[in-house]
């Protein structure tokens, strides 16, 4: 393995705890009543959400933490990542984790896991707005501004609509 592609455990530890240990404990200790509807539909939806979420999260962790020497929380990445899921939404780790946890909540029939998913999403949103985005704006300036205009934060397909709304607001105030 090349020096840049050595496997580092730290970036993998957080998703393992957040999406593995905590939901498993909650699912085992605080199972809830099964959601209404056929069990097969619940299991299918849970599997689909969990697999898409795991894929998004794994791809994002690989691109940010494993393909470049970015320490966790110490500084922004060396380059702005815009490929993979980062070309679809700006926060694929958080969105992927939320989808994964929602899928696990369906699979475990555990409302507590769904509450955990909401908590994780809330913390991720606050962290993105207060910590990550200011650091990226400072480090990548216009490159990040262009990326923000082109790629939506959380919901695919909404960047253009957001840009059009902002342009209309600017036109009204001029």
Protein backbone atom coordinates (compact mmCIF):
# COMPACT_ATOMS: atom_id res chain seq x y z
CA UNK A 1 0.00 0.00 0.00
CA UNK A 2 1.21 3.47 -0.79
CA UNK A 3 1.74 5.93 2.03
CA UNK A 4 -1.45 7.88 1.11
CA UNK A 5 -3.63 4.75 1.10
CA UNK A 6 -2.63 3.16 4.39
CA UNK A 7 -5.62 2.11 6.40
CA UNK A 8 -6.17 4.31 9.41
CA UNK A 9 -8.56 3.07 12.10
CA UNK A 10 -9.61 6.43 13.58
CA UNK A 11 -11.88 7.51 10.66
CA UNK A 12 -13.60 4.12 10.81
CA UNK A 13 -14.16 4.14 14.56
CA UNK A 14 -16.77 6.91 14.64
CA UNK A 15 -19.12 5.34 12.04
CA UNK A 16 -18.68 1.95 13.73
CA UNK A 17 -19.79 3.35 17.09
CA UNK A 18 -22.53 5.67 15.74
CA UNK A 19 -24.06 3.20 13.27
CA UNK A 20 -23.01 -0.09 14.84
CA UNK A 21 -22.62 -0.24 18.58
CA UNK A 22 -25.18 2.36 19.66
CA UNK A 23 -28.05 1.17 17.41
CA UNK A 24 -27.35 -2.47 18.28
CA UNK A 25 -27.51 -1.66 21.99
CA UNK A 26 -30.65 0.43 21.55
CA UNK A 27 -32.27 -2.21 19.34
CA UNK A 28 -31.57 -4.98 21.82
CA UNK A 29 -32.38 -3.10 25.00
CA UNK A 30 -35.20 -0.82 23.85
CA UNK A 31 -37.05 -2.57 21.02
CA UNK A 32 -40.30 -0.91 20.08
CA UNK A 33 -43.48 -2.17 18.55
CA UNK A 34 -43.16 -2.99 14.88
CA UNK A 35 -44.22 -0.15 12.59
CA UNK A 36 -47.63 -0.59 10.98
CA UNK A 37 -47.76 -2.36 7.65
CA UNK A 38 -46.48 -5.64 6.32
CA UNK A 39 -43.25 -6.91 7.87
CA UNK A 40 -41.73 -7.71 4.49
CA UNK A 41 -42.14 -4.11 3.35
CA UNK A 42 -40.53 -2.84 6.57
CA UNK A 43 -37.57 -5.19 6.17
CA UNK A 44 -37.15 -4.33 2.48
CA UNK A 45 -37.30 -0.58 3.13
CA UNK A 46 -34.92 -0.97 6.07
CA UNK A 47 -32.40 -2.92 3.99
CA UNK A 48 -32.55 -0.47 1.08
CA UNK A 49 -32.10 2.57 3.35
CA UNK A 50 -29.32 0.89 5.35
CA UNK A 51 -27.40 -0.21 2.24
CA UNK A 52 -27.65 3.18 0.51
CA UNK A 53 -26.66 4.93 3.74
CA UNK A 54 -23.72 2.61 4.34
CA UNK A 55 -22.55 3.10 0.74
CA UNK A 56 -22.78 6.91 1.04
CA UNK A 57 -20.95 6.94 4.35
CA UNK A 58 -18.21 4.52 3.27
CA UNK A 59 -17.61 6.45 0.04
CA UNK A 60 -17.43 9.79 1.90
CA UNK A 61 -15.08 8.48 4.60
CA UNK A 62 -12.84 6.98 1.91
CA UNK A 63 -12.67 10.20 -0.12
CA UNK A 64 -12.09 12.56 2.81
CA UNK A 65 -10.12 10.55 5.34
CA UNK A 66 -8.52 7.61 3.58
CA UNK A 67 -7.48 9.18 0.26
CA UNK A 68 -5.81 12.18 1.85
CA UNK A 69 -4.04 12.72 5.17
CA UNK A 70 -6.87 14.64 6.86
CA UNK A 71 -6.76 14.31 10.62
CA UNK A 72 -10.16 14.09 12.29
CA UNK A 73 -11.18 17.57 13.38
CA UNK A 74 -7.69 19.09 13.25
CA UNK A 75 -7.94 20.92 9.93
CA UNK A 76 -9.87 20.92 6.65
CA UNK A 77 -8.91 18.43 3.93
CA UNK A 78 -5.95 19.24 1.70
CA UNK A 79 -8.23 19.45 -1.33
CA UNK A 80 -11.94 20.08 -1.72
CA UNK A 81 -13.64 16.76 -2.39
CA UNK A 82 -16.28 17.07 -5.12
CA UNK A 83 -16.40 13.53 -6.49
CA UNK A 84 -18.51 10.53 -5.56
CA UNK A 85 -21.42 11.37 -3.29
CA UNK A 86 -19.84 14.80 -2.70
CA UNK A 87 -20.88 15.63 -6.25
CA UNK A 88 -24.52 14.90 -5.34
CA UNK A 89 -24.78 16.52 -1.88
CA UNK A 90 -22.28 18.41 0.28
CA UNK A 91 -22.91 16.33 3.42
CA UNK A 92 -22.96 12.68 2.35
CA UNK A 93 -21.46 11.37 5.60
CA UNK A 94 -24.26 12.83 7.69
CA UNK A 95 -26.99 12.03 5.15
CA UNK A 96 -25.65 8.50 4.70
CA UNK A 97 -25.47 7.96 8.44
CA UNK A 98 -29.05 9.17 8.82
CA UNK A 99 -30.28 6.83 6.09
CA UNK A 100 -28.32 3.94 7.60
CA UNK A 101 -29.73 4.58 11.08
CA UNK A 102 -33.27 4.96 9.74
CA UNK A 103 -32.89 1.63 7.95
CA UNK A 104 -31.60 0.05 11.16
CA UNK A 105 -34.56 1.51 13.08
CA UNK A 106 -36.90 -0.24 10.64
CA UNK A 107 -34.94 -3.49 10.79
CA UNK A 108 -34.76 -3.50 14.62
CA UNK A 109 -38.33 -2.16 14.98
CA UNK A 110 -36.75 0.21 17.48
CA UNK A 111 -38.09 3.71 17.93
CA UNK A 112 -35.03 4.45 20.09
CA UNK A 113 -32.80 3.97 17.04
CA UNK A 114 -34.97 6.42 15.09
CA UNK A 115 -34.59 8.96 17.94
CA UNK A 116 -30.82 8.31 17.82
CA UNK A 117 -30.89 8.97 14.04
CA UNK A 118 -32.64 12.31 14.65
CA UNK A 119 -30.05 13.21 17.29
CA UNK A 120 -27.15 12.29 14.98
CA UNK A 121 -28.68 14.35 12.14
CA UNK A 122 -29.14 17.35 14.44
CA UNK A 123 -25.54 17.19 15.68
CA UNK A 124 -24.33 16.76 12.08
CA UNK A 125 -26.29 19.80 10.87
CA UNK A 126 -25.00 22.00 13.67
CA UNK A 127 -21.43 20.78 13.15
CA UNK A 128 -21.64 21.35 9.39
CA UNK A 129 -22.91 24.91 9.77
CA UNK A 130 -20.78 26.02 12.71
CA UNK A 131 -17.52 24.14 12.17
CA UNK A 132 -17.08 22.50 8.77
CA UNK A 133 -18.47 25.15 6.42
CA UNK A 134 -16.57 28.10 7.95
CA UNK A 135 -13.34 26.09 7.75
CA UNK A 136 -13.98 25.14 4.14
CA UNK A 137 -14.91 28.75 3.24
CA UNK A 138 -11.67 29.98 4.80
CA UNK A 139 -9.50 27.29 3.21
CA UNK A 140 -11.01 27.07 -0.27
CA UNK A 141 -12.66 30.53 -0.67
CA UNK A 142 -14.16 30.93 -4.17
CA UNK A 143 -13.72 27.25 -5.01
CA UNK A 144 -15.98 26.34 -2.06
CA UNK A 145 -18.44 29.16 -2.90
CA UNK A 146 -18.83 27.75 -6.43
CA UNK A 147 -19.24 24.24 -5.00
CA UNK A 148 -21.95 25.50 -2.61
CA UNK A 149 -23.82 27.12 -5.51
CA UNK A 150 -23.62 23.96 -7.62
CA UNK A 151 -24.20 21.18 -5.05
CA UNK A 152 -27.04 21.12 -2.50
CA UNK A 153 -26.26 20.58 1.16
CA UNK A 154 -28.63 17.79 2.07
CA UNK A 155 -31.28 17.03 -0.57
CA UNK A 156 -30.21 16.03 -4.10
CA UNK A 157 -31.56 18.19 -6.91
CA UNK A 158 -32.18 21.33 -4.85
CA UNK A 159 -29.06 23.39 -5.64
CA UNK A 160 -30.47 24.97 -8.79
CA UNK A 161 -33.74 25.89 -7.09
CA UNK A 162 -31.84 27.45 -4.20
CA UNK A 163 -29.65 29.40 -6.60
CA UNK A 164 -32.68 30.69 -8.53
CA UNK A 165 -34.41 31.78 -5.31
CA UNK A 166 -31.30 33.63 -4.15
CA UNK A 167 -30.97 35.36 -7.55
CA UNK A 168 -34.61 36.49 -7.37
CA UNK A 169 -34.07 37.85 -3.83
CA UNK A 170 -30.98 39.77 -4.98
CA UNK A 171 -32.88 41.18 -7.97
CA UNK A 172 -35.72 42.39 -5.71
CA UNK A 173 -33.35 44.19 -3.37
CA UNK A 174 -31.39 45.95 -6.13
